[in-house]
Amino acid sequence: MVTKRITRLEERMRTRLIVRSTRGLALTAAGERFLPRFMRVVAELEELFIGCTSDPEGIEGHVRIQGPTTVTSMFLGALFSEFQAGNPRVSLDIHLLDRSVNPLEEGIDMVFGAQQTSYPNVVDIPLCQYPMVCCSSREYLRGRQKPMHPQELVDHECLTSMLLGNTWQFENPAGPVSVDVQTRFHANDARVVLEGVRRGLGIAILPRYVAEEDLRSGHLLMLLDEFPVARVWLKAMVPRMKMDKPVVRELVTFLKTRMHPVAPWDAPEPGDPLWISAPLEPATLGAE
């Protein structure tokens, strides 16, 4: 049915919009040129239909969401639940997937992640910084030379995740440093990588909130104090045509207010002592 409608559209426009092959579909140059206009038309129609059926007492609509397993299950899930509780006419369809996808191609309203990937006609909305730390266990460093420069990581066992892969980037006043590490342990969930680090398998870069408890207890050590991991931002990726949906706009605004200036992993729980939200000081963790 979809193929027939596309063919009819191409006939009406007297130009080919999509190239079909055994590997999938791809837009032609004409398709790329017309796509933004088609998207605006679809968004205007959706807005028209929503306006005809909307309830003046609150927003309504359905939102398809995709997010990484760790951060969604630990933090974003609570925010989505809070938003839905305050907007009972909104329905959310949340999927956990630890790889970046193009929300426009997948028919998803919002994709969350910290990867630097961007897509045409998709708006990147920064939500908050996503602090990362380079760390290892004391056990791993026993009998090994502690790395003092990122380039020395090539001589160490490293554990990698989907977020950064095998290319690790660091900051320094002298300029950024990038190093390609070798790994025999790769996972698409940071908590799995954390277990490997705890057992002395090697060095890893982890989200700070994942490793923080082990760093504070001294079970893990922060490394490369003079070379902090390059800054990463957690962002929402929304197809440009979806930005006009009231429910999407409202959810984006809600998340911005809840995640900035204090990220959810930095917000102290009621009853927590003040030191819980204090920044980590690498020098106080010791080293062997």
C-alpha atoms as a PDB file:
ATOM      1  CA  MET A   1       0.000   0.000   0.000  1.00  0.00           C
ATOM      2  CA  VAL A   2       2.779   2.464   0.941  1.00  0.00           C
ATOM      3  CA  THR A   3       4.758   1.611  -2.198  1.00  0.00           C
ATOM      4  CA  LYS A   4       1.716   2.260  -4.392  1.00  0.00           C
ATOM      5  CA  ARG A   5       1.092   5.626  -2.756  1.00  0.00           C
ATOM      6  CA  ILE A   6       4.714   6.671  -3.231  1.00  0.00           C
ATOM      7  CA  THR A   7       4.551   5.630  -6.876  1.00  0.00           C
ATOM      8  CA  ARG A   8       1.372   7.682  -7.355  1.00  0.00           C
ATOM      9  CA  LEU A   9       3.026  10.673  -5.703  1.00  0.00           C
ATOM     10  CA  GLU A  10       6.049  10.362  -8.001  1.00  0.00           C
ATOM     11  CA  GLU A  11       3.741  10.197 -10.996  1.00  0.00           C
ATOM     12  CA  ARG A  12       1.879  13.318  -9.884  1.00  0.00           C
ATOM     13  CA  MET A  13       5.134  15.203  -9.301  1.00  0.00           C
ATOM     14  CA  ARG A  14       6.735  13.811 -12.468  1.00  0.00           C
ATOM     15  CA  THR A  15       9.976  13.036 -10.694  1.00  0.00           C
ATOM     16  CA  ARG A  16      11.535  10.137  -8.833  1.00  0.00           C
ATOM     17  CA  LEU A  17      11.683  10.642  -5.075  1.00  0.00           C
ATOM     18  CA  ILE A  18      13.013   7.319  -3.775  1.00  0.00           C
ATOM     19  CA  VAL A  19      15.561   4.826  -5.071  1.00  0.00           C
ATOM     20  CA  ARG A  20      14.662   1.234  -4.231  1.00  0.00           C
ATOM     21  CA  SER A  21      17.312  -1.484  -3.896  1.00  0.00           C
ATOM     22  CA  THR A  22      17.866  -4.775  -2.097  1.00  0.00           C
ATOM     23  CA  ARG A  23      19.591  -2.811   0.692  1.00  0.00           C
ATOM     24  CA  GLY A  24      16.573  -0.604   1.341  1.00  0.00           C
ATOM     25  CA  LEU A  25      15.265   2.805   0.326  1.00  0.00           C
ATOM     26  CA  ALA A  26      17.131   6.065  -0.238  1.00  0.00           C
ATOM     27  CA  LEU A  27      15.970   9.540  -1.194  1.00  0.00           C
ATOM     28  CA  THR A  28      16.932  10.954  -4.563  1.00  0.00           C
ATOM     29  CA  ALA A  29      18.211  14.515  -4.860  1.00  0.00           C
ATOM     30  CA  ALA A  30      14.642  15.621  -5.600  1.00  0.00           C
ATOM     31  CA  GLY A  31      13.387  13.671  -2.586  1.00  0.00           C
ATOM     32  CA  GLU A  32      15.946  15.377  -0.343  1.00  0.00           C
ATOM     33  CA  ARG A  33      14.858  18.754  -1.727  1.00  0.00           C
ATOM     34  CA  PHE A  34      11.135  18.184  -1.210  1.00  0.00           C
ATOM     35  CA  LEU A  35      11.329  16.357   2.152  1.00  0.00           C
ATOM     36  CA  PRO A  36      11.349  19.476   4.402  1.00  0.00           C
ATOM     37  CA  ARG A  37       8.254  20.810   2.601  1.00  0.00           C
ATOM     38  CA  PHE A  38       6.461  17.467   2.946  1.00  0.00           C
ATOM     39  CA  MET A  39       7.342  17.414   6.644  1.00  0.00           C
ATOM     40  CA  ARG A  40       5.883  20.875   7.194  1.00  0.00           C
ATOM     41  CA  VAL A  41       2.653  19.855   5.438  1.00  0.00           C
ATOM     42  CA  VAL A  42       2.322  16.698   7.560  1.00  0.00           C
ATOM     43  CA  ALA A  43       3.027  18.663  10.757  1.00  0.00           C
ATOM     44  CA  GLU A  44       0.382  21.254   9.838  1.00  0.00           C
ATOM     45  CA  LEU A  45      -2.184  18.512   9.204  1.00  0.00           C
ATOM     46  CA  GLU A  46      -1.395  16.830  12.527  1.00  0.00           C
ATOM     47  CA  GLU A  47      -1.733  20.178  14.278  1.00  0.00           C
ATOM     48  CA  LEU A  48      -5.075  20.742  12.558  1.00  0.00           C
ATOM     49  CA  PHE A  49      -6.455  17.358  13.635  1.00  0.00           C
ATOM     50  CA  ILE A  50      -5.179  17.803  17.187  1.00  0.00           C
ATOM     51  CA  GLY A  51      -6.746  21.265  17.362  1.00  0.00           C
ATOM     52  CA  CYS A  52     -10.129  19.883  16.322  1.00  0.00           C
ATOM     53  CA  THR A  53     -10.152  17.202  19.025  1.00  0.00           C
ATOM     54  CA  SER A  54      -8.068  18.743  21.824  1.00  0.00           C
ATOM     55  CA  ASP A  55      -9.434  19.244  25.313  1.00  0.00           C
ATOM     56  CA  PRO A  56      -9.071  22.776  26.744  1.00  0.00           C
ATOM     57  CA  GLU A  57      -8.387  21.242  30.159  1.00  0.00           C
ATOM     58  CA  GLY A  58      -4.998  19.851  29.181  1.00  0.00           C
ATOM     59  CA  ILE A  59      -2.738  18.405  26.491  1.00  0.00           C
ATOM     60  CA  GLU A  60      -3.323  15.018  24.962  1.00  0.00           C
ATOM     61  CA  GLY A  61      -1.649  12.738  22.477  1.00  0.00           C
ATOM     62  CA  HIS A  62       0.622   9.754  22.074  1.00  0.00           C
ATOM     63  CA  VAL A  63       4.434   9.935  22.277  1.00  0.00           C
ATOM     64  CA  ARG A  64       6.810   7.197  21.135  1.00  0.00           C
ATOM     65  CA  ILE A  65      10.091   7.372  23.057  1.00  0.00           C
ATOM     66  CA  GLN A  66      13.382   5.515  22.822  1.00  0.00           C
ATOM     67  CA  GLY A  67      16.175   5.796  25.393  1.00  0.00           C
ATOM     68  CA  PRO A  68      19.336   4.033  26.582  1.00  0.00           C
ATOM     69  CA  THR A  69      18.784   1.257  29.116  1.00  0.00           C
ATOM     70  CA  THR A  70      20.846   2.548  32.044  1.00  0.00           C
ATOM     71  CA  VAL A  71      19.915   6.227  32.190  1.00  0.00           C
ATOM     72  CA  THR A  72      16.273   5.559  31.310  1.00  0.00           C
ATOM     73  CA  SER A  73      15.748   2.868  33.926  1.00  0.00           C
ATOM     74  CA  MET A  74      17.619   4.812  36.621  1.00  0.00           C
ATOM     75  CA  PHE A  75      16.441   8.390  35.959  1.00  0.00           C
ATOM     76  CA  LEU A  76      14.391   9.177  32.845  1.00  0.00           C
ATOM     77  CA  GLY A  77      11.731   6.603  33.678  1.00  0.00           C
ATOM     78  CA  ALA A  78      10.796   8.498  36.840  1.00  0.00           C
ATOM     79  CA  LEU A  79      10.547  11.755  34.888  1.00  0.00           C
ATOM     80  CA  PHE A  80       8.356  10.166  32.214  1.00  0.00           C
ATOM     81  CA  SER A  81       6.086   8.776  34.940  1.00  0.00           C
ATOM     82  CA  GLU A  82       5.850  12.196  36.590  1.00  0.00           C
ATOM     83  CA  PHE A  83       4.950  13.821  33.269  1.00  0.00           C
ATOM     84  CA  GLN A  84       2.287  11.235  32.457  1.00  0.00           C
ATOM     85  CA  ALA A  85       0.778  11.485  35.953  1.00  0.00           C
ATOM     86  CA  GLY A  86       0.369  15.231  35.457  1.00  0.00           C
ATOM     87  CA  ASN A  87      -1.091  14.774  31.981  1.00  0.00           C
ATOM     88  CA  PRO A  88      -3.546  11.855  32.161  1.00  0.00           C
ATOM     89  CA  ARG A  89      -4.702  12.336  28.560  1.00  0.00           C
ATOM     90  CA  VAL A  90      -1.167  11.650  27.315  1.00  0.00           C
ATOM     91  CA  SER A  91       0.009   8.127  26.524  1.00  0.00           C
ATOM     92  CA  LEU A  92       3.692   7.169  26.383  1.00  0.00           C
ATOM     93  CA  ASP A  93       5.255   4.245  24.526  1.00  0.00           C
ATOM     94  CA  ILE A  94       8.809   3.823  25.879  1.00  0.00           C
ATOM     95  CA  HIS A  95      11.405   1.485  24.376  1.00  0.00           C
ATOM     96  CA  LEU A  96      14.932   0.877  25.711  1.00  0.00           C
ATOM     97  CA  LEU A  97      17.659   0.456  23.115  1.00  0.00           C
ATOM     98  CA  ASP A  98      21.384   1.058  23.463  1.00  0.00           C
ATOM     99  CA  ARG A  99      22.209   2.328  20.002  1.00  0.00           C
ATOM    100  CA  SER A 100      21.478   5.501  18.136  1.00  0.00           C
ATOM    101  CA  VAL A 101      18.675   5.422  15.567  1.00  0.00           C
ATOM    102  CA  ASN A 102      17.204   8.047  13.285  1.00  0.00           C
ATOM    103  CA  PRO A 103      13.809   8.892  14.832  1.00  0.00           C
ATOM    104  CA  LEU A 104      12.548  10.219  11.523  1.00  0.00           C
ATOM    105  CA  GLU A 105      13.152   6.888   9.782  1.00  0.00           C
ATOM    106  CA  GLU A 106      11.846   4.807  12.688  1.00  0.00           C
ATOM    107  CA  GLY A 107       8.667   6.816  13.262  1.00  0.00           C
ATOM    108  CA  ILE A 108       9.718   7.758  16.810  1.00  0.00           C
ATOM    109  CA  ASP A 109       8.812  11.090  18.394  1.00  0.00           C
ATOM    110  CA  MET A 110      11.828  11.404  20.724  1.00  0.00           C
ATOM    111  CA  VAL A 111      15.132   9.551  20.987  1.00  0.00           C
ATOM    112  CA  PHE A 112      17.380  10.140  23.997  1.00  0.00           C
ATOM    113  CA  GLY A 113      21.110   9.539  24.141  1.00  0.00           C
ATOM    114  CA  ALA A 114      24.557  10.968  24.733  1.00  0.00           C
ATOM    115  CA  GLN A 115      26.153   9.946  21.458  1.00  0.00           C
ATOM    116  CA  GLN A 116      27.335  12.711  19.138  1.00  0.00           C
ATOM    117  CA  THR A 117      25.359  11.323  16.199  1.00  0.00           C
ATOM    118  CA  SER A 118      23.033  13.769  14.445  1.00  0.00           C
ATOM    119  CA  TYR A 119      20.570  13.281  11.593  1.00  0.00           C
ATOM    120  CA  PRO A 120      19.149  15.504   8.837  1.00  0.00           C
ATOM    121  CA  ASN A 121      15.821  17.164   9.674  1.00  0.00           C
ATOM    122  CA  VAL A 122      16.126  16.053  13.305  1.00  0.00           C
ATOM    123  CA  VAL A 123      16.527  18.657  16.069  1.00  0.00           C
ATOM    124  CA  ASP A 124      19.141  18.011  18.781  1.00  0.00           C
ATOM    125  CA  ILE A 125      17.928  19.350  22.146  1.00  0.00           C
ATOM    126  CA  PRO A 126      20.635  19.390  24.859  1.00  0.00           C
ATOM    127  CA  LEU A 127      19.168  18.531  28.264  1.00  0.00           C
ATOM    128  CA  CYS A 128      22.134  18.359  30.666  1.00  0.00           C
ATOM    129  CA  GLN A 129      25.799  17.462  30.860  1.00  0.00           C
ATOM    130  CA  TYR A 130      26.535  13.745  31.128  1.00  0.00           C
ATOM    131  CA  PRO A 131      29.735  13.542  33.209  1.00  0.00           C
ATOM    132  CA  MET A 132      32.086  10.643  32.492  1.00  0.00           C
ATOM    133  CA  VAL A 133      35.053   9.374  34.531  1.00  0.00           C
ATOM    134  CA  CYS A 134      38.045   7.202  33.686  1.00  0.00           C
ATOM    135  CA  CYS A 135      38.573   4.643  36.435  1.00  0.00           C
ATOM    136  CA  SER A 136      39.855   1.222  37.457  1.00  0.00           C
ATOM    137  CA  SER A 137      39.966  -0.961  40.539  1.00  0.00           C
ATOM    138  CA  ARG A 138      42.869  -1.022  42.980  1.00  0.00           C
ATOM    139  CA  GLU A 139      43.237  -4.705  42.194  1.00  0.00           C
ATOM    140  CA  TYR A 140      43.861  -4.025  38.515  1.00  0.00           C
ATOM    141  CA  LEU A 141      46.570  -1.442  39.234  1.00  0.00           C
ATOM    142  CA  ARG A 142      48.416  -3.719  41.662  1.00  0.00           C
ATOM    143  CA  GLY A 143      51.725  -4.505  39.970  1.00  0.00           C
ATOM    144  CA  ARG A 144      50.972  -2.208  37.021  1.00  0.00           C
ATOM    145  CA  GLN A 145      52.123   1.304  36.205  1.00  0.00           C
ATOM    146  CA  LYS A 146      49.308   3.811  36.756  1.00  0.00           C
ATOM    147  CA  PRO A 147      48.662   5.688  33.478  1.00  0.00           C
ATOM    148  CA  MET A 148      49.578   9.365  33.661  1.00  0.00           C
ATOM    149  CA  HIS A 149      48.735  10.282  30.055  1.00  0.00           C
ATOM    150  CA  PRO A 150      45.877   9.016  27.839  1.00  0.00           C
ATOM    151  CA  GLN A 151      48.337   7.625  25.297  1.00  0.00           C
ATOM    152  CA  GLU A 152      49.561   5.179  27.963  1.00  0.00           C
ATOM    153  CA  LEU A 153      46.139   3.489  27.866  1.00  0.00           C
ATOM    154  CA  VAL A 154      47.285   1.530  24.801  1.00  0.00           C
ATOM    155  CA  ASP A 155      49.436  -0.534  27.182  1.00  0.00           C
ATOM    156  CA  HIS A 156      46.468  -1.398  29.425  1.00  0.00           C
ATOM    157  CA  GLU A 157      43.428  -3.624  29.340  1.00  0.00           C
ATOM    158  CA  CYS A 158      40.399  -1.449  28.607  1.00  0.00           C
ATOM    159  CA  LEU A 159      36.677  -2.097  28.843  1.00  0.00           C
ATOM    160  CA  THR A 160      34.485  -0.279  26.337  1.00  0.00           C
ATOM    161  CA  SER A 161      30.816   0.585  25.958  1.00  0.00           C
ATOM    162  CA  MET A 162      28.486   1.568  23.143  1.00  0.00           C
ATOM    163  CA  LEU A 163      28.616   5.260  24.055  1.00  0.00           C
ATOM    164  CA  LEU A 164      32.310   5.966  23.407  1.00  0.00           C
ATOM    165  CA  GLY A 165      33.426   2.840  21.597  1.00  0.00           C
ATOM    166  CA  ASN A 166      37.178   2.323  21.168  1.00  0.00           C
ATOM    167  CA  THR A 167      38.082   5.979  20.628  1.00  0.00           C
ATOM    168  CA  TRP A 168      38.404   7.834  23.924  1.00  0.00           C
ATOM    169  CA  GLN A 169      38.732  11.611  23.975  1.00  0.00           C
ATOM    170  CA  PHE A 170      40.148  13.719  26.791  1.00  0.00           C
ATOM    171  CA  GLU A 171      40.530  17.435  27.503  1.00  0.00           C
ATOM    172  CA  ASN A 172      43.664  19.277  28.561  1.00  0.00           C
ATOM    173  CA  PRO A 173      44.810  22.939  28.582  1.00  0.00           C
ATOM    174  CA  ALA A 174      47.350  21.995  25.913  1.00  0.00           C
ATOM    175  CA  GLY A 175      44.595  20.674  23.670  1.00  0.00           C
ATOM    176  CA  PRO A 176      42.301  17.666  23.250  1.00  0.00           C
ATOM    177  CA  VAL A 177      43.784  14.172  23.260  1.00  0.00           C
ATOM    178  CA  SER A 178      42.279  11.197  21.431  1.00  0.00           C
ATOM    179  CA  VAL A 179      43.401   7.600  21.859  1.00  0.00           C
ATOM    180  CA  ASP A 180      42.253   4.331  20.294  1.00  0.00           C
ATOM    181  CA  VAL A 181      42.155   1.613  22.938  1.00  0.00           C
ATOM    182  CA  GLN A 182      42.085  -2.160  22.568  1.00  0.00           C
ATOM    183  CA  THR A 183      39.388  -4.126  24.340  1.00  0.00           C
ATOM    184  CA  ARG A 184      38.432  -7.699  25.103  1.00  0.00           C
ATOM    185  CA  PHE A 185      35.320  -6.631  27.048  1.00  0.00           C
ATOM    186  CA  HIS A 186      32.606  -4.579  25.337  1.00  0.00           C
ATOM    187  CA  ALA A 187      29.003  -4.076  26.467  1.00  0.00           C
ATOM    188  CA  ASN A 188      26.116  -1.798  25.536  1.00  0.00           C
ATOM    189  CA  ASP A 189      25.161  -1.234  29.198  1.00  0.00           C
ATOM    190  CA  ALA A 190      27.394   0.760  31.555  1.00  0.00           C
ATOM    191  CA  ARG A 191      26.413  -1.339  34.568  1.00  0.00           C
ATOM    192  CA  VAL A 192      27.815  -4.445  32.877  1.00  0.00           C
ATOM    193  CA  VAL A 193      31.085  -2.617  32.229  1.00  0.00           C
ATOM    194  CA  LEU A 194      31.124  -1.513  35.882  1.00  0.00           C
ATOM    195  CA  GLU A 195      31.024  -5.144  37.026  1.00  0.00           C
ATOM    196  CA  GLY A 196      34.055  -5.897  34.880  1.00  0.00           C
ATOM    197  CA  VAL A 197      35.948  -2.943  36.343  1.00  0.00           C
ATOM    198  CA  ARG A 198      35.051  -4.036  39.891  1.00  0.00           C
ATOM    199  CA  ARG A 199      36.574  -7.443  39.187  1.00  0.00           C
ATOM    200  CA  GLY A 200      39.872  -5.953  38.075  1.00  0.00           C
ATOM    201  CA  LEU A 201      39.503  -6.604  34.351  1.00  0.00           C
ATOM    202  CA  GLY A 202      40.870  -3.214  33.345  1.00  0.00           C
ATOM    203  CA  ILE A 203      40.251   0.496  32.848  1.00  0.00           C
ATOM    204  CA  ALA A 204      36.954   1.983  31.649  1.00  0.00           C
ATOM    205  CA  ILE A 205      35.206   5.274  31.074  1.00  0.00           C
ATOM    206  CA  LEU A 206      31.856   5.224  32.846  1.00  0.00           C
ATOM    207  CA  PRO A 207      29.042   7.684  33.527  1.00  0.00           C
ATOM    208  CA  ARG A 208      29.893   9.307  36.844  1.00  0.00           C
ATOM    209  CA  TYR A 209      26.578   8.347  38.428  1.00  0.00           C
ATOM    210  CA  VAL A 210      27.255   4.664  37.631  1.00  0.00           C
ATOM    211  CA  ALA A 211      30.707   4.616  39.248  1.00  0.00           C
ATOM    212  CA  GLU A 212      30.179   7.232  41.971  1.00  0.00           C
ATOM    213  CA  GLU A 213      29.371   4.897  44.863  1.00  0.00           C
ATOM    214  CA  ASP A 214      32.456   2.748  44.169  1.00  0.00           C
ATOM    215  CA  LEU A 215      34.653   5.830  43.826  1.00  0.00           C
ATOM    216  CA  ARG A 216      33.483   7.282  47.117  1.00  0.00           C
ATOM    217  CA  SER A 217      34.031   3.985  48.914  1.00  0.00           C
ATOM    218  CA  GLY A 218      37.525   3.671  47.458  1.00  0.00           C
ATOM    219  CA  HIS A 219      36.793   0.419  45.615  1.00  0.00           C
ATOM    220  CA  LEU A 220      37.546   2.222  42.339  1.00  0.00           C
ATOM    221  CA  LEU A 221      40.091   4.921  41.586  1.00  0.00           C
ATOM    222  CA  MET A 222      39.710   7.877  39.258  1.00  0.00           C
ATOM    223  CA  LEU A 223      42.567   8.061  36.736  1.00  0.00           C
ATOM    224  CA  LEU A 224      44.139  10.725  34.539  1.00  0.00           C
ATOM    225  CA  ASP A 225      43.262  13.625  36.843  1.00  0.00           C
ATOM    226  CA  GLU A 226      44.889  16.152  34.490  1.00  0.00           C
ATOM    227  CA  PHE A 227      42.997  14.812  31.469  1.00  0.00           C
ATOM    228  CA  PRO A 228      39.241  14.859  32.170  1.00  0.00           C
ATOM    229  CA  VAL A 229      37.068  12.927  29.768  1.00  0.00           C
ATOM    230  CA  ALA A 230      35.739  15.150  26.980  1.00  0.00           C
ATOM    231  CA  ARG A 231      32.363  16.652  27.822  1.00  0.00           C
ATOM    232  CA  VAL A 232      29.285  14.741  26.780  1.00  0.00           C
ATOM    233  CA  TRP A 233      25.687  15.998  26.782  1.00  0.00           C
ATOM    234  CA  LEU A 234      22.519  14.001  27.198  1.00  0.00           C
ATOM    235  CA  LYS A 235      20.156  15.157  24.484  1.00  0.00           C
ATOM    236  CA  ALA A 236      16.759  14.520  22.979  1.00  0.00           C
ATOM    237  CA  MET A 237      16.524  14.073  19.217  1.00  0.00           C
ATOM    238  CA  VAL A 238      13.164  15.091  17.774  1.00  0.00           C
ATOM    239  CA  PRO A 239      12.166  15.060  14.092  1.00  0.00           C
ATOM    240  CA  ARG A 240      11.623  18.645  13.009  1.00  0.00           C
ATOM    241  CA  MET A 241       8.105  17.814  11.882  1.00  0.00           C
ATOM    242  CA  LYS A 242       7.277  16.536  15.400  1.00  0.00           C
ATOM    243  CA  MET A 243       8.358  19.736  17.145  1.00  0.00           C
ATOM    244  CA  ASP A 244       4.980  21.297  16.348  1.00  0.00           C
ATOM    245  CA  LYS A 245       3.052  18.637  18.266  1.00  0.00           C
ATOM    246  CA  PRO A 246       1.845  20.238  21.530  1.00  0.00           C
ATOM    247  CA  VAL A 247       2.476  17.083  23.559  1.00  0.00           C
ATOM    248  CA  VAL A 248       6.067  16.848  22.285  1.00  0.00           C
ATOM    249  CA  ARG A 249       6.729  20.526  22.986  1.00  0.00           C
ATOM    250  CA  GLU A 250       5.291  20.135  26.478  1.00  0.00           C
ATOM    251  CA  LEU A 251       7.408  17.074  27.245  1.00  0.00           C
ATOM    252  CA  VAL A 252      10.582  18.813  26.022  1.00  0.00           C
ATOM    253  CA  THR A 253       9.835  21.842  28.220  1.00  0.00           C
ATOM    254  CA  PHE A 254       9.115  19.588  31.208  1.00  0.00           C
ATOM    255  CA  LEU A 255      12.398  17.680  30.818  1.00  0.00           C
ATOM    256  CA  LYS A 256      14.416  20.882  30.455  1.00  0.00           C
ATOM    257  CA  THR A 257      13.047  22.247  33.726  1.00  0.00           C
ATOM    258  CA  ARG A 258      13.665  18.953  35.545  1.00  0.00           C
ATOM    259  CA  MET A 259      17.186  18.328  34.209  1.00  0.00           C
ATOM    260  CA  HIS A 260      18.772  21.783  34.195  1.00  0.00           C
ATOM    261  CA  PRO A 261      20.570  23.341  35.993  1.00  0.00           C
ATOM    262  CA  VAL A 262      20.606  20.275  38.310  1.00  0.00           C
ATOM    263  CA  ALA A 263      20.798  16.925  36.520  1.00  0.00           C
ATOM    264  CA  PRO A 264      18.687  14.136  38.037  1.00  0.00           C
ATOM    265  CA  TRP A 265      21.764  12.174  39.184  1.00  0.00           C
ATOM    266  CA  ASP A 266      23.024  15.264  41.045  1.00  0.00           C
ATOM    267  CA  ALA A 267      19.753  15.932  42.845  1.00  0.00           C
ATOM    268  CA  PRO A 268      20.023  14.669  46.463  1.00  0.00           C
ATOM    269  CA  GLU A 269      17.359  12.321  47.721  1.00  0.00           C
ATOM    270  CA  PRO A 270      15.341  13.502  50.741  1.00  0.00           C
ATOM    271  CA  GLY A 271      17.304  12.722  53.878  1.00  0.00           C
ATOM    272  CA  ASP A 272      20.638  12.286  52.100  1.00  0.00           C
ATOM    273  CA  PRO A 273      23.641  13.896  53.866  1.00  0.00           C
ATOM    274  CA  LEU A 274      25.101  16.936  52.108  1.00  0.00           C
ATOM    275  CA  TRP A 275      28.267  15.111  51.054  1.00  0.00           C
ATOM    276  CA  ILE A 276      26.260  12.876  48.686  1.00  0.00           C
ATOM    277  CA  SER A 277      25.924  15.681  46.132  1.00  0.00           C
ATOM    278  CA  ALA A 278      29.438  17.057  46.663  1.00  0.00           C
ATOM    279  CA  PRO A 279      31.784  16.743  43.657  1.00  0.00           C
ATOM    280  CA  LEU A 280      34.327  13.949  43.641  1.00  0.00           C
ATOM    281  CA  GLU A 281      37.890  14.940  44.458  1.00  0.00           C
ATOM    282  CA  PRO A 282      40.300  12.567  42.721  1.00  0.00           C
ATOM    283  CA  ALA A 283      43.166  13.403  45.050  1.00  0.00           C
ATOM    284  CA  THR A 284      41.240  12.170  48.082  1.00  0.00           C
ATOM    285  CA  LEU A 285      40.711   8.722  46.618  1.00  0.00           C
ATOM    286  CA  GLY A 286      44.300   7.668  46.871  1.00  0.00           C
ATOM    287  CA  ALA A 287      46.349   5.543  44.495  1.00  0.00           C
ATOM    288  CA  GLU A 288      48.669   2.628  44.628  1.00  0.00           C
END
